[in-house]
Amino acid sequence: MTHLQKLGGIAAFINVIVLIATLATVIFLIGFSAIADPNKLIDLAIHNPTPLLIQDGLKFVSATISSVLILALANYLRRDASALLSVATGLGFLSVLCLVSNTVLSLYAIFQVAAHDETALSGDPLNGMIGILAMAAISLDGLWLLLVSWTALKGQQLPSPLCYLGLGMGILSLVPPLGIVVLLLSLVWSVWIGRVLLRENPAS
């Protein structure tokens, strides 16, 4: 087992904790109503920005974990050495870049609102860019998972049920309203891929 493979397995299990924390933050601290209503989001940013800051902090952690998993799976599946795997890896890192950019802009908007500049969240350009980057990050991550799962399935390098789960999640990620479903399925996928990566050797 390589150090990168072991690190990827550990990252996958840490990802479970981050996913649960993200769900808890959205449901109990921010609320779906605030996410759907820009005015409520602005009010939250002005009077109680802590939940939004926690969410953005979790995004940074998620970006780090994603980078480790992308590298670990590229290494784990390296005997395939196909152009498809290279494309998948590139899409994965592009997703991370979009997530980090989304987080940076979100933090900027929150601090602007804290300075009583409400246009930071209600203004179309910045708010629209934050939303576009969020959707791009989810869609690109879905494409990465789709291509990685397909590569692993063809090479029989991961358990077939895990590959089919990844394929399904990848497809669902391309439909924004189903994001919460993907998030829940990610809990199962992360535990499963973590166990696989922490095995002694890749499947031969």
Protein backbone atom coordinates (compact mmCIF):
# COMPACT_ATOMS: atom_id res chain seq x y z
CA MET A 1 0.00 0.00 0.00
CA THR A 2 1.41 3.40 -0.99
CA HIS A 3 1.36 6.36 1.35
CA LEU A 4 -0.94 8.16 -1.10
CA GLN A 5 -3.38 5.23 -1.10
CA LYS A 6 -3.42 5.17 2.70
CA LEU A 7 -3.85 8.96 2.83
CA GLY A 8 -6.73 8.68 0.37
CA GLY A 9 -8.45 6.09 2.55
CA ILE A 10 -8.11 8.26 5.64
CA ALA A 11 -9.35 11.29 3.69
CA ALA A 12 -12.43 9.35 2.60
CA PHE A 13 -13.39 8.63 6.21
CA ILE A 14 -12.73 12.24 7.22
CA ASN A 15 -15.00 13.20 4.33
CA VAL A 16 -17.87 11.39 6.06
CA ILE A 17 -17.47 13.66 9.08
CA VAL A 18 -17.31 16.75 6.85
CA LEU A 19 -20.44 15.67 4.95
CA ILE A 20 -22.38 15.14 8.17
CA ALA A 21 -21.18 18.51 9.49
CA THR A 22 -22.22 20.16 6.22
CA LEU A 23 -25.68 18.61 6.37
CA ALA A 24 -26.09 19.65 10.00
CA THR A 25 -24.99 23.20 9.20
CA VAL A 26 -27.42 23.54 6.29
CA ILE A 27 -30.38 21.96 8.09
CA PHE A 28 -30.02 23.23 11.65
CA LEU A 29 -27.93 26.42 11.46
CA ILE A 30 -28.69 28.00 8.08
CA GLY A 31 -31.98 26.41 7.07
CA PHE A 32 -33.30 25.61 3.62
CA SER A 33 -35.52 28.69 3.68
CA ALA A 34 -32.51 31.01 4.00
CA ILE A 35 -30.70 29.23 1.17
CA ALA A 36 -33.73 29.65 -1.07
CA ASP A 37 -34.41 33.28 -0.10
CA PRO A 38 -31.61 35.84 -0.72
CA ASN A 39 -33.23 38.31 1.68
CA LYS A 40 -33.12 35.81 4.55
CA LEU A 41 -29.55 34.98 3.64
CA ILE A 42 -28.61 38.66 3.82
CA ASP A 43 -30.32 38.98 7.18
CA LEU A 44 -28.41 35.97 8.46
CA ALA A 45 -25.11 37.38 7.15
CA ILE A 46 -25.74 40.67 8.95
CA HIS A 47 -27.01 39.42 12.29
CA ASN A 48 -25.53 35.93 12.60
CA PRO A 49 -22.84 35.17 9.99
CA THR A 50 -21.31 32.31 12.00
CA PRO A 51 -23.29 29.50 10.25
CA LEU A 52 -22.24 30.87 6.84
CA LEU A 53 -18.61 31.09 7.96
CA ILE A 54 -18.79 27.49 9.23
CA GLN A 55 -20.19 26.40 5.87
CA ASP A 56 -17.39 28.13 3.99
CA GLY A 57 -14.81 26.64 6.33
CA LEU A 58 -16.20 23.19 5.60
CA LYS A 59 -15.92 23.96 1.88
CA PHE A 60 -12.18 24.58 2.28
CA VAL A 61 -11.79 21.29 4.15
CA SER A 62 -13.85 19.54 1.47
CA ALA A 63 -11.64 20.98 -1.27
CA THR A 64 -8.53 19.62 0.47
CA ILE A 65 -10.10 16.19 0.94
CA SER A 66 -11.25 16.13 -2.67
CA SER A 67 -7.72 16.91 -3.89
CA VAL A 68 -6.33 14.00 -1.88
CA LEU A 69 -9.02 11.61 -3.14
CA ILE A 70 -8.50 12.68 -6.76
CA LEU A 71 -4.77 11.97 -6.50
CA ALA A 72 -5.28 8.74 -4.54
CA LEU A 73 -7.76 7.29 -7.04
CA ALA A 74 -5.64 8.38 -10.01
CA ASN A 75 -2.74 6.51 -8.40
CA TYR A 76 -4.91 3.51 -7.46
CA LEU A 77 -6.18 3.15 -11.03
CA ARG A 78 -2.85 4.05 -12.63
CA ARG A 79 -2.39 0.67 -14.36
CA ASP A 80 -5.26 1.71 -16.61
CA ALA A 81 -3.23 4.78 -17.69
CA SER A 82 -5.96 5.81 -20.11
CA ALA A 83 -6.69 9.24 -21.51
CA LEU A 84 -10.09 8.97 -19.83
CA LEU A 85 -8.47 8.77 -16.40
CA SER A 86 -6.34 11.81 -17.20
CA VAL A 87 -9.44 13.74 -18.27
CA ALA A 88 -11.24 12.65 -15.11
CA THR A 89 -8.34 13.85 -12.94
CA GLY A 90 -8.29 17.19 -14.74
CA LEU A 91 -12.04 17.64 -14.26
CA GLY A 92 -11.68 16.74 -10.59
CA PHE A 93 -9.10 19.45 -9.96
CA LEU A 94 -11.16 21.95 -11.99
CA SER A 95 -14.05 21.16 -9.65
CA VAL A 96 -11.81 21.86 -6.65
CA LEU A 97 -10.75 25.16 -8.21
CA CYS A 98 -14.41 26.16 -8.68
CA LEU A 99 -15.21 25.20 -5.08
CA VAL A 100 -12.33 27.24 -3.69
CA SER A 101 -13.27 30.22 -5.88
CA ASN A 102 -16.88 29.92 -4.74
CA THR A 103 -15.77 29.90 -1.10
CA VAL A 104 -13.48 32.91 -1.49
CA LEU A 105 -16.23 34.95 -3.15
CA SER A 106 -18.75 33.81 -0.55
CA LEU A 107 -16.47 34.93 2.29
CA TYR A 108 -15.90 38.26 0.54
CA ALA A 109 -19.66 38.76 0.21
CA ILE A 110 -20.26 37.88 3.86
CA PHE A 111 -17.66 40.40 5.06
CA GLN A 112 -19.09 43.03 2.74
CA VAL A 113 -22.55 42.46 4.18
CA ALA A 114 -21.09 42.63 7.68
CA ALA A 115 -19.89 46.10 6.68
CA HIS A 116 -23.56 46.87 5.85
CA ASP A 117 -23.13 46.69 2.11
CA GLU A 118 -26.21 44.55 1.37
CA THR A 119 -25.59 44.66 -2.37
CA ALA A 120 -22.75 42.18 -1.80
CA LEU A 121 -25.29 39.36 -1.61
CA SER A 122 -28.25 40.87 -3.37
CA GLY A 123 -26.33 42.28 -6.32
CA ASP A 124 -26.68 40.14 -9.44
CA PRO A 125 -23.00 39.96 -10.59
CA LEU A 126 -21.38 38.67 -7.40
CA ASN A 127 -24.30 36.56 -6.20
CA GLY A 128 -24.73 35.11 -9.67
CA MET A 129 -21.03 34.22 -9.90
CA ILE A 130 -21.13 32.49 -6.51
CA GLY A 131 -24.09 30.40 -7.68
CA ILE A 132 -22.49 29.56 -11.03
CA LEU A 133 -19.26 28.44 -9.36
CA ALA A 134 -21.22 26.27 -6.92
CA MET A 135 -23.09 24.52 -9.74
CA ALA A 136 -19.89 24.17 -11.78
CA ALA A 137 -18.09 22.58 -8.82
CA ILE A 138 -20.90 20.05 -8.29
CA SER A 139 -21.24 19.22 -12.00
CA LEU A 140 -17.49 18.84 -12.58
CA ASP A 141 -17.17 16.69 -9.46
CA GLY A 142 -20.00 14.56 -10.82
CA LEU A 143 -18.20 14.16 -14.16
CA TRP A 144 -15.00 13.20 -12.32
CA LEU A 145 -16.83 10.55 -10.33
CA LEU A 146 -18.61 9.33 -13.46
CA LEU A 147 -15.40 8.90 -15.45
CA VAL A 148 -13.42 7.42 -12.56
CA SER A 149 -16.18 4.91 -11.83
CA TRP A 150 -16.43 3.95 -15.50
CA THR A 151 -12.65 3.52 -15.73
CA ALA A 152 -12.59 1.36 -12.60
CA LEU A 153 -15.55 -0.69 -13.84
CA LYS A 154 -13.90 -1.42 -17.19
CA GLY A 155 -10.63 -2.39 -15.52
CA GLN A 156 -12.37 -4.28 -12.69
CA GLN A 157 -10.24 -2.35 -10.22
CA LEU A 158 -13.04 -1.46 -7.83
CA PRO A 159 -16.05 -3.51 -6.68
CA SER A 160 -18.75 -3.38 -9.36
CA PRO A 161 -21.52 -2.21 -6.96
CA LEU A 162 -19.27 0.67 -5.84
CA CYS A 163 -18.66 1.60 -9.48
CA TYR A 164 -22.40 1.58 -10.23
CA LEU A 165 -23.00 3.75 -7.17
CA GLY A 166 -20.38 6.19 -8.43
CA LEU A 167 -21.92 6.21 -11.90
CA GLY A 168 -25.35 6.92 -10.45
CA MET A 169 -24.02 9.71 -8.24
CA GLY A 170 -22.16 11.21 -11.19
CA ILE A 171 -25.34 11.34 -13.26
CA LEU A 172 -27.42 12.75 -10.38
CA SER A 173 -24.80 15.47 -9.81
CA LEU A 174 -25.64 16.88 -13.23
CA VAL A 175 -29.18 17.62 -11.99
CA PRO A 176 -28.82 20.50 -9.44
CA PRO A 177 -32.12 19.88 -7.54
CA LEU A 178 -30.88 16.39 -6.66
CA GLY A 179 -27.79 17.70 -4.89
CA ILE A 180 -29.08 16.71 -1.44
CA VAL A 181 -29.56 13.12 -2.68
CA VAL A 182 -25.98 13.03 -3.94
CA LEU A 183 -24.79 14.37 -0.60
CA LEU A 184 -26.53 11.53 1.25
CA LEU A 185 -25.22 8.90 -1.18
CA SER A 186 -21.73 10.38 -0.74
CA LEU A 187 -21.76 9.16 2.86
CA VAL A 188 -22.04 5.57 1.63
CA TRP A 189 -19.54 6.09 -1.21
CA SER A 190 -16.94 7.68 1.09
CA VAL A 191 -17.07 4.86 3.63
CA TRP A 192 -16.90 2.25 0.86
CA ILE A 193 -14.03 3.85 -1.07
CA GLY A 194 -12.18 4.44 2.20
CA ARG A 195 -12.32 0.72 3.03
CA VAL A 196 -11.15 -0.17 -0.48
CA LEU A 197 -8.20 2.23 -0.42
CA LEU A 198 -7.10 1.00 2.98
CA ARG A 199 -6.78 -2.54 1.69
CA GLU A 200 -3.21 -3.76 1.31
CA ASN A 201 -3.08 -3.80 -2.50
CA PRO A 202 -5.14 -2.51 -5.44
CA ALA A 203 -7.26 -5.09 -7.21
CA SER A 204 -5.26 -6.94 -9.81
